[in-house]
């Protein structure tokens, strides 16, 4: 039997949870600005430093490899002991890396600073997912709002980069550190509020966590990999593709990235709401099936319809986002941090490994030809989810964050 703490009940408890989720969502936005900034900076590296498609894909690859290794490790660490201090510290690290990326004149320094930024992002996500799941009391809607913050950060990244680097060049990237400073400061009252919530909660005991369903978790992880290949590939190349297909300039490129990320924001909130009505597996399965057609339209349809397909593709890819995180946690209830780290880190970052392949194929043929294989990825995710079942609902109450060793929970 393990001892956990229950959230306070009544209006005060609901208000505290709502405030915590709101602040966590804002902090999430401040961190994920630096994930979106990688793709947003790519056109400026091409313009100012004459990088090829393959070279800029290498930047995405290096950042993804570091995140792939680091994020599950941070997840395993948070399974052993709660580390809420990681939230403000990792936010600052993420911002520092991206802020310095425009100052290094060499390709090696650019890779190094991008890698530092992604290590900060990797450190943030497993612990923040643990905190958000606990603070939201297991609500799919709460996790959706938390994930929305990250999507909004992605969406704001190209606007922020265009407003800074687009005006003054890569030499102004240090100004991109501002969201990290704001996000780290906003995180501090979150941690204090959660600590007060924990100290006010009555103590209860629960039965041991259910056994881990490793087979289902592996299938889920493979589905997330397929999703990641599509989203990272589009994040890297959509600006170039829209310019080729529409003949637009920098404004068209920025608009495409904003549509891509805002579509994800809509999909994330929609996914949480749908999961309150139907089981998560069914929602995710249907979303991937609809995404197959959206990606095909993105690749083949010309003109303004392209932007509609970008939005539908992004929404379809993000309806499953927060649901896959909680499914992973429920398939591995004894290793919640590890499940979060792999789902948010390793599997998503694997998509970056395929970006150089897309870049090389685009250099050899055309960008449109290189994007055609992405149509198959959501179809594979759909097939994998057809073999999954909704985890049994937990029998024990959900805990709120502890100050020491992280409680095992579903």
Protein backbone atom coordinates (compact mmCIF):
# COMPACT_ATOMS: atom_id res chain seq x y z
CA UNK A 1 0.00 0.00 0.00
CA UNK A 2 1.35 3.43 -0.88
CA UNK A 3 0.42 6.70 0.71
CA UNK A 4 -0.87 9.45 -1.55
CA UNK A 5 -2.53 12.79 -1.01
CA UNK A 6 -5.93 13.74 -2.31
CA UNK A 7 -6.83 17.13 -3.77
CA UNK A 8 -8.93 19.41 -1.60
CA UNK A 9 -12.64 19.23 -2.38
CA UNK A 10 -15.16 21.97 -3.03
CA UNK A 11 -14.90 25.27 -4.86
CA UNK A 12 -11.46 26.06 -3.42
CA UNK A 13 -10.07 22.77 -4.72
CA UNK A 14 -11.56 23.28 -8.18
CA UNK A 15 -10.27 26.84 -8.28
CA UNK A 16 -6.77 25.77 -7.27
CA UNK A 17 -6.70 23.08 -9.96
CA UNK A 18 -8.01 25.50 -12.58
CA UNK A 19 -5.36 28.07 -11.68
CA UNK A 20 -2.61 25.43 -11.72
CA UNK A 21 -3.61 24.16 -15.16
CA UNK A 22 -3.83 27.71 -16.52
CA UNK A 23 -0.36 28.62 -15.30
CA UNK A 24 1.08 25.31 -16.46
CA UNK A 25 -0.43 25.89 -19.88
CA UNK A 26 1.19 29.33 -20.13
CA UNK A 27 4.52 27.87 -19.01
CA UNK A 28 4.13 25.11 -21.59
CA UNK A 29 3.64 27.74 -24.29
CA UNK A 30 6.83 29.52 -23.24
CA UNK A 31 8.80 26.28 -23.58
CA UNK A 32 7.32 25.02 -26.83
CA UNK A 33 8.05 28.34 -28.51
CA UNK A 34 11.56 26.90 -28.71
CA UNK A 35 10.41 23.72 -30.42
CA UNK A 36 8.59 25.74 -33.07
CA UNK A 37 11.51 28.15 -33.37
CA UNK A 38 13.74 25.44 -34.82
CA UNK A 39 11.60 25.09 -37.95
CA UNK A 40 10.93 28.83 -38.06
CA UNK A 41 14.67 29.60 -38.10
CA UNK A 42 15.40 27.15 -40.93
CA UNK A 43 14.56 29.59 -43.80
CA UNK A 44 16.84 32.22 -42.26
CA UNK A 45 19.73 29.75 -42.03
CA UNK A 46 19.18 29.00 -45.72
CA UNK A 47 19.00 32.67 -46.67
CA UNK A 48 21.90 34.02 -44.58
CA UNK A 49 24.21 31.01 -44.53
CA UNK A 50 23.28 29.27 -47.80
CA UNK A 51 22.47 25.95 -46.11
CA UNK A 52 21.01 23.24 -48.35
CA UNK A 53 17.83 21.28 -47.58
CA UNK A 54 20.04 18.45 -46.34
CA UNK A 55 22.03 20.82 -44.10
CA UNK A 56 19.00 22.31 -42.39
CA UNK A 57 17.55 18.83 -42.02
CA UNK A 58 20.75 17.95 -40.17
CA UNK A 59 20.00 20.69 -37.64
CA UNK A 60 16.58 19.18 -37.02
CA UNK A 61 18.19 15.74 -36.80
CA UNK A 62 20.80 16.77 -34.24
CA UNK A 63 18.21 18.45 -32.03
CA UNK A 64 15.91 15.46 -32.31
CA UNK A 65 18.63 12.94 -31.46
CA UNK A 66 19.54 14.77 -28.26
CA UNK A 67 15.90 15.04 -27.26
CA UNK A 68 15.34 11.37 -28.10
CA UNK A 69 18.04 10.30 -25.68
CA UNK A 70 17.48 12.89 -22.96
CA UNK A 71 13.71 12.93 -22.56
CA UNK A 72 13.20 9.27 -21.54
CA UNK A 73 16.12 9.62 -19.13
CA UNK A 74 14.48 12.60 -17.47
CA UNK A 75 11.25 10.58 -17.38
CA UNK A 76 12.92 7.71 -15.55
CA UNK A 77 14.46 10.17 -13.11
CA UNK A 78 11.08 11.71 -12.29
CA UNK A 79 9.64 8.24 -11.70
CA UNK A 80 12.12 7.89 -8.86
CA UNK A 81 11.68 11.35 -7.36
CA UNK A 82 9.51 14.36 -8.13
CA UNK A 83 11.57 17.21 -9.59
CA UNK A 84 9.27 20.23 -9.94
CA UNK A 85 12.29 22.54 -10.01
CA UNK A 86 12.97 21.20 -13.50
CA UNK A 87 10.13 23.31 -14.88
CA UNK A 88 11.74 26.78 -14.44
CA UNK A 89 15.31 25.55 -14.95
CA UNK A 90 14.58 23.65 -18.16
CA UNK A 91 12.64 26.63 -19.52
CA UNK A 92 15.71 28.82 -19.14
CA UNK A 93 17.99 26.21 -20.74
CA UNK A 94 15.65 25.85 -23.73
CA UNK A 95 15.56 29.60 -24.28
CA UNK A 96 19.32 30.01 -23.91
CA UNK A 97 20.10 27.47 -26.62
CA UNK A 98 17.79 28.99 -29.22
CA UNK A 99 18.85 32.53 -28.29
CA UNK A 100 22.50 31.69 -29.00
CA UNK A 101 21.88 29.70 -32.19
CA UNK A 102 22.10 32.74 -34.45
CA UNK A 103 25.40 33.97 -32.99
CA UNK A 104 27.59 31.00 -33.86
CA UNK A 105 29.07 31.57 -37.28
CA UNK A 106 29.91 27.92 -37.86
CA UNK A 107 27.56 25.04 -38.61
CA UNK A 108 28.98 23.13 -35.61
CA UNK A 109 28.09 25.92 -33.18
CA UNK A 110 24.61 26.17 -34.65
CA UNK A 111 24.14 22.44 -34.03
CA UNK A 112 25.49 22.78 -30.49
CA UNK A 113 23.19 25.63 -29.47
CA UNK A 114 20.14 23.99 -31.06
CA UNK A 115 21.02 20.84 -29.13
CA UNK A 116 21.21 22.75 -25.84
CA UNK A 117 17.79 24.19 -26.51
CA UNK A 118 16.32 20.76 -27.14
CA UNK A 119 17.86 19.36 -23.94
CA UNK A 120 15.98 22.05 -22.05
CA UNK A 121 12.76 21.09 -23.81
CA UNK A 122 13.45 17.41 -23.08
CA UNK A 123 13.93 18.07 -19.37
CA UNK A 124 10.67 20.01 -19.16
CA UNK A 125 8.12 17.65 -20.66
CA UNK A 126 8.13 14.44 -18.55
CA UNK A 127 7.90 16.31 -15.26
CA UNK A 128 5.38 18.82 -16.57
CA UNK A 129 3.17 16.00 -17.88
CA UNK A 130 3.31 14.33 -14.45
CA UNK A 131 2.43 17.60 -12.74
CA UNK A 132 -0.38 18.45 -15.17
CA UNK A 133 -2.01 15.00 -14.93
CA UNK A 134 -2.01 15.22 -11.15
CA UNK A 135 -3.10 18.86 -10.98
CA UNK A 136 -5.97 18.21 -13.37
CA UNK A 137 -7.22 15.23 -11.38
CA UNK A 138 -6.94 12.95 -14.42
CA UNK A 139 -9.32 15.06 -16.53
CA UNK A 140 -8.85 14.68 -20.30
CA UNK A 141 -10.09 18.23 -20.75
CA UNK A 142 -7.48 19.57 -18.31
CA UNK A 143 -4.72 17.71 -20.14
CA UNK A 144 -6.07 19.11 -23.38
CA UNK A 145 -5.80 22.67 -22.09
CA UNK A 146 -2.30 21.99 -20.80
CA UNK A 147 -1.29 20.61 -24.20
CA UNK A 148 -2.95 23.61 -25.87
CA UNK A 149 -0.35 25.83 -24.25
CA UNK A 150 2.38 23.94 -26.07
CA UNK A 151 0.50 24.20 -29.37
CA UNK A 152 0.11 27.95 -28.94
CA UNK A 153 3.82 28.20 -28.25
CA UNK A 154 4.48 26.38 -31.51
CA UNK A 155 2.07 28.69 -33.33
CA UNK A 156 3.66 31.85 -31.93
CA UNK A 157 7.19 30.71 -32.77
CA UNK A 158 7.19 31.70 -36.48
CA UNK A 159 5.60 35.06 -35.64
CA UNK A 160 8.19 35.70 -32.94
CA UNK A 161 11.07 34.63 -35.17
CA UNK A 162 9.77 36.70 -38.10
CA UNK A 163 9.36 39.72 -35.86
CA UNK A 164 12.91 39.45 -34.51
CA UNK A 165 15.11 37.65 -37.04
CA UNK A 166 13.08 38.73 -40.05
CA UNK A 167 13.77 42.35 -39.18
CA UNK A 168 17.31 42.27 -37.82
CA UNK A 169 18.78 38.98 -39.02
CA UNK A 170 20.24 36.08 -37.07
CA UNK A 171 22.31 38.43 -34.95
CA UNK A 172 19.17 39.36 -32.98
CA UNK A 173 18.39 35.82 -31.80
CA UNK A 174 19.34 36.69 -28.18
CA UNK A 175 16.01 38.56 -28.03
CA UNK A 176 14.31 35.19 -28.39
CA UNK A 177 15.25 34.45 -24.77
CA UNK A 178 12.41 36.67 -23.50
CA UNK A 179 9.72 33.92 -23.42
CA UNK A 180 12.05 31.75 -21.34
CA UNK A 181 12.47 34.49 -18.75
CA UNK A 182 8.71 35.06 -18.58
CA UNK A 183 7.89 31.35 -18.49
CA UNK A 184 10.35 30.54 -15.74
CA UNK A 185 8.99 33.34 -13.55
CA UNK A 186 5.39 32.25 -14.11
CA UNK A 187 6.31 28.72 -13.11
CA UNK A 188 7.28 29.76 -9.59
CA UNK A 189 3.74 30.53 -8.35
CA UNK A 190 2.63 27.25 -9.96
CA UNK A 191 5.05 25.31 -7.81
CA UNK A 192 4.09 27.21 -4.67
CA UNK A 193 0.39 26.69 -5.38
CA UNK A 194 0.80 22.97 -5.95
CA UNK A 195 2.79 22.65 -2.76
CA UNK A 196 -0.01 24.37 -0.82
CA UNK A 197 -2.55 22.09 -2.50
CA UNK A 198 -0.53 19.07 -1.44
CA UNK A 199 -0.15 20.20 2.17
CA UNK A 200 -3.89 20.88 2.45
CA UNK A 201 -4.92 17.52 1.00
CA UNK A 202 -5.98 14.65 3.28
CA UNK A 203 -3.87 11.54 3.19
CA UNK A 204 -5.33 8.28 1.91
CA UNK A 205 -3.99 4.90 0.94
CA UNK A 206 -4.48 3.12 -2.33
CA UNK A 207 -3.80 -0.31 -3.69
CA UNK A 208 -0.70 -0.92 -5.74
CA UNK A 209 -0.82 0.21 -9.35
CA UNK A 210 -2.12 -2.17 -12.01
CA UNK A 211 0.44 -4.18 -14.02
CA UNK A 212 2.11 -2.46 -16.94
CA UNK A 213 0.72 -3.33 -20.39
CA UNK A 214 3.99 -3.17 -22.29
CA UNK A 215 2.64 -4.64 -25.54
CA UNK A 216 -0.06 -1.98 -25.85
CA UNK A 217 2.42 0.74 -24.93
CA UNK A 218 4.80 -0.37 -27.69
CA UNK A 219 2.01 -0.26 -30.28
CA UNK A 220 1.02 3.19 -29.05
CA UNK A 221 4.64 4.36 -29.28
CA UNK A 222 4.92 3.13 -32.88
CA UNK A 223 1.73 5.02 -33.78
CA UNK A 224 3.18 8.19 -32.24
CA UNK A 225 6.37 7.68 -34.28
CA UNK A 226 4.32 7.62 -37.49
CA UNK A 227 2.50 10.77 -36.40
CA UNK A 228 5.81 12.43 -35.59
CA UNK A 229 7.26 11.72 -39.02
CA UNK A 230 4.39 13.62 -40.61
CA UNK A 231 4.40 16.58 -38.26
CA UNK A 232 8.18 17.09 -38.07
CA UNK A 233 8.46 16.69 -41.83
CA UNK A 234 5.80 19.30 -42.44
CA UNK A 235 7.22 21.62 -39.78
CA UNK A 236 10.59 21.52 -41.52
CA UNK A 237 9.49 21.87 -45.14
CA UNK A 238 6.00 23.41 -45.25
CA UNK A 239 7.35 26.95 -45.63
CA UNK A 240 9.38 25.97 -48.70
CA UNK A 241 6.51 23.90 -50.09
CA UNK A 242 3.96 26.69 -49.80
CA UNK A 243 6.35 29.08 -51.54
CA UNK A 244 6.80 26.62 -54.41
CA UNK A 245 3.08 25.86 -54.77
CA UNK A 246 1.69 29.37 -54.34
CA UNK A 247 4.55 31.60 -55.45
CA UNK A 248 4.29 33.56 -52.21
CA UNK A 249 7.13 35.11 -50.27
CA UNK A 250 8.10 35.31 -46.61
CA UNK A 251 4.56 36.24 -45.55
CA UNK A 252 3.15 33.08 -47.19
CA UNK A 253 5.80 30.95 -45.48
CA UNK A 254 5.03 32.42 -42.06
CA UNK A 255 1.29 32.05 -42.64
CA UNK A 256 1.72 28.36 -43.46
CA UNK A 257 3.59 27.70 -40.21
CA UNK A 258 1.03 29.65 -38.20
CA UNK A 259 -1.82 27.67 -39.78
CA UNK A 260 0.05 24.43 -39.10
CA UNK A 261 0.50 25.23 -35.41
CA UNK A 262 -2.90 26.85 -34.80
CA UNK A 263 -4.58 23.85 -36.38
CA UNK A 264 -2.78 21.78 -33.78
CA UNK A 265 -4.13 24.03 -31.03
CA UNK A 266 -7.69 23.48 -32.21
CA UNK A 267 -7.13 19.74 -32.50
CA UNK A 268 -5.72 19.47 -28.98
CA UNK A 269 -8.72 21.11 -27.31
CA UNK A 270 -11.11 19.14 -29.53
CA UNK A 271 -9.39 15.89 -28.59
CA UNK A 272 -9.85 16.48 -24.87
CA UNK A 273 -13.52 17.37 -25.33
CA UNK A 274 -14.21 14.33 -27.54
CA UNK A 275 -12.52 12.03 -25.04
CA UNK A 276 -14.99 13.12 -22.35
CA UNK A 277 -17.77 11.73 -24.59
CA UNK A 278 -16.13 8.65 -26.13
CA UNK A 279 -13.19 6.46 -25.22
CA UNK A 280 -9.75 7.76 -26.15
CA UNK A 281 -8.79 4.90 -28.46
CA UNK A 282 -11.85 5.42 -30.67
CA UNK A 283 -11.25 9.18 -30.87
CA UNK A 284 -7.61 8.73 -31.83
CA UNK A 285 -8.37 5.98 -34.35
CA UNK A 286 -10.95 8.07 -36.21
CA UNK A 287 -8.75 11.14 -36.17
CA UNK A 288 -5.88 9.31 -37.87
CA UNK A 289 -8.20 7.92 -40.54
CA UNK A 290 -9.44 11.42 -41.41
CA UNK A 291 -5.86 12.72 -41.44
CA UNK A 292 -4.91 10.40 -44.30
CA UNK A 293 -7.14 12.36 -46.69
CA UNK A 294 -5.98 15.71 -45.30
CA UNK A 295 -2.30 14.91 -45.94
CA UNK A 296 -3.11 13.72 -49.46
CA UNK A 297 -4.91 17.00 -50.14
CA UNK A 298 -1.96 18.97 -48.76
CA UNK A 299 0.41 17.23 -51.16
CA UNK A 300 -1.71 17.37 -54.32
CA UNK A 301 -4.18 20.28 -54.11
CA UNK A 302 -2.98 23.68 -55.39
CA UNK A 303 -3.76 27.26 -54.39
CA UNK A 304 -5.68 28.38 -51.28
CA UNK A 305 -6.99 24.83 -50.72
CA UNK A 306 -3.46 23.99 -49.62
CA UNK A 307 -3.89 26.11 -46.47
CA UNK A 308 -7.17 24.36 -45.65
CA UNK A 309 -5.46 20.98 -45.91
CA UNK A 310 -2.59 22.20 -43.73
CA UNK A 311 -5.09 23.17 -41.04
CA UNK A 312 -7.01 19.87 -41.30
CA UNK A 313 -3.80 17.85 -41.23
CA UNK A 314 -2.54 19.66 -38.15
CA UNK A 315 -5.86 19.33 -36.32
CA UNK A 316 -6.06 15.64 -37.21
CA UNK A 317 -2.55 15.02 -35.92
CA UNK A 318 -3.20 16.89 -32.67
CA UNK A 319 -6.57 15.48 -31.66
CA UNK A 320 -4.63 12.40 -30.45
CA UNK A 321 -1.81 14.37 -28.82
CA UNK A 322 -2.80 14.72 -25.15
CA UNK A 323 -4.88 11.52 -25.35
CA UNK A 324 -1.81 9.52 -26.33
CA UNK A 325 0.08 10.91 -23.35
CA UNK A 326 -2.58 9.79 -20.87
CA UNK A 327 -3.01 6.46 -22.66
CA UNK A 328 0.73 5.88 -22.35
CA UNK A 329 0.57 6.71 -18.64
CA UNK A 330 -2.33 4.29 -18.20
CA UNK A 331 -0.61 1.50 -20.14
CA UNK A 332 2.44 1.94 -17.87
CA UNK A 333 0.83 3.00 -14.56
CA UNK A 334 3.93 2.04 -12.58
CA UNK A 335 6.24 4.19 -14.73
CA UNK A 336 4.32 7.36 -15.51
CA UNK A 337 7.40 9.54 -16.00
CA UNK A 338 9.02 7.01 -18.32
CA UNK A 339 5.80 6.70 -20.32
CA UNK A 340 5.56 10.49 -20.62
CA UNK A 341 9.22 10.83 -21.55
CA UNK A 342 9.01 8.23 -24.30
CA UNK A 343 5.68 9.42 -25.67
CA UNK A 344 6.58 13.12 -25.59
CA UNK A 345 10.27 12.68 -26.34
CA UNK A 346 11.68 9.56 -27.94
CA UNK A 347 8.80 8.74 -30.27
CA UNK A 348 8.17 12.34 -31.28
CA UNK A 349 11.87 13.06 -31.80
CA UNK A 350 12.24 10.01 -34.02
CA UNK A 351 10.35 12.03 -36.61
CA UNK A 352 13.39 14.26 -36.83
CA UNK A 353 15.46 11.29 -37.94
CA UNK A 354 13.42 11.12 -41.15
CA UNK A 355 13.76 14.80 -42.02
CA UNK A 356 17.20 14.35 -43.63
CA UNK A 357 15.76 11.58 -45.80
CA UNK A 358 12.96 13.89 -46.92
CA UNK A 359 15.52 16.62 -47.57
CA UNK A 360 17.76 14.37 -49.63
CA UNK A 361 14.82 13.09 -51.66
CA UNK A 362 13.69 16.69 -52.23
CA UNK A 363 17.18 17.70 -53.40
CA UNK A 364 17.23 14.73 -55.81
CA UNK A 365 13.65 15.05 -57.13
CA UNK A 366 11.19 17.67 -55.92
CA UNK A 367 9.75 18.68 -52.58
CA UNK A 368 6.29 17.51 -53.61
CA UNK A 369 7.64 14.05 -54.46
CA UNK A 370 9.48 13.92 -51.13
CA UNK A 371 6.27 14.65 -49.20
CA UNK A 372 4.16 11.92 -50.86
CA UNK A 373 5.34 9.13 -48.46
CA UNK A 374 3.92 11.15 -45.54
CA UNK A 375 0.42 10.17 -46.68
CA UNK A 376 1.05 6.60 -45.48
CA UNK A 377 2.07 7.57 -41.94
CA UNK A 378 -1.37 8.38 -40.41
CA UNK A 379 -2.70 5.26 -42.14
CA UNK A 380 -0.13 3.18 -40.25
CA UNK A 381 -1.09 4.92 -36.99
CA UNK A 382 -4.74 4.06 -37.67
CA UNK A 383 -3.85 0.39 -38.26
CA UNK A 384 -1.89 0.24 -35.00
CA UNK A 385 -4.74 1.80 -33.02
CA UNK A 386 -7.13 -0.81 -34.41
CA UNK A 387 -5.21 -3.33 -32.28
CA UNK A 388 -5.46 -1.28 -29.06
CA UNK A 389 -8.11 -1.29 -26.35
CA UNK A 390 -9.03 1.43 -23.88
CA UNK A 391 -7.24 0.79 -20.55
CA UNK A 392 -9.46 -0.21 -17.66
CA UNK A 393 -10.43 2.79 -15.49
CA UNK A 394 -8.36 3.20 -12.33
CA UNK A 395 -9.81 1.80 -9.13
CA UNK A 396 -7.85 4.10 -6.88
CA UNK A 397 -8.12 7.88 -6.37
CA UNK A 398 -5.59 10.00 -8.21
CA UNK A 399 -2.87 11.73 -6.20
CA UNK A 400 -1.73 15.30 -6.17
CA UNK A 401 1.97 16.05 -6.37
CA UNK A 402 4.13 15.11 -3.43
CA UNK A 403 7.18 16.99 -2.34
CA UNK A 404 9.53 14.02 -2.29
CA UNK A 405 9.33 10.66 -3.95
CA UNK A 406 6.86 10.61 -6.84
CA UNK A 407 3.73 8.59 -6.11
CA UNK A 408 2.79 5.74 -8.42
CA UNK A 409 -0.50 6.42 -10.05
CA UNK A 410 -2.62 5.93 -13.12
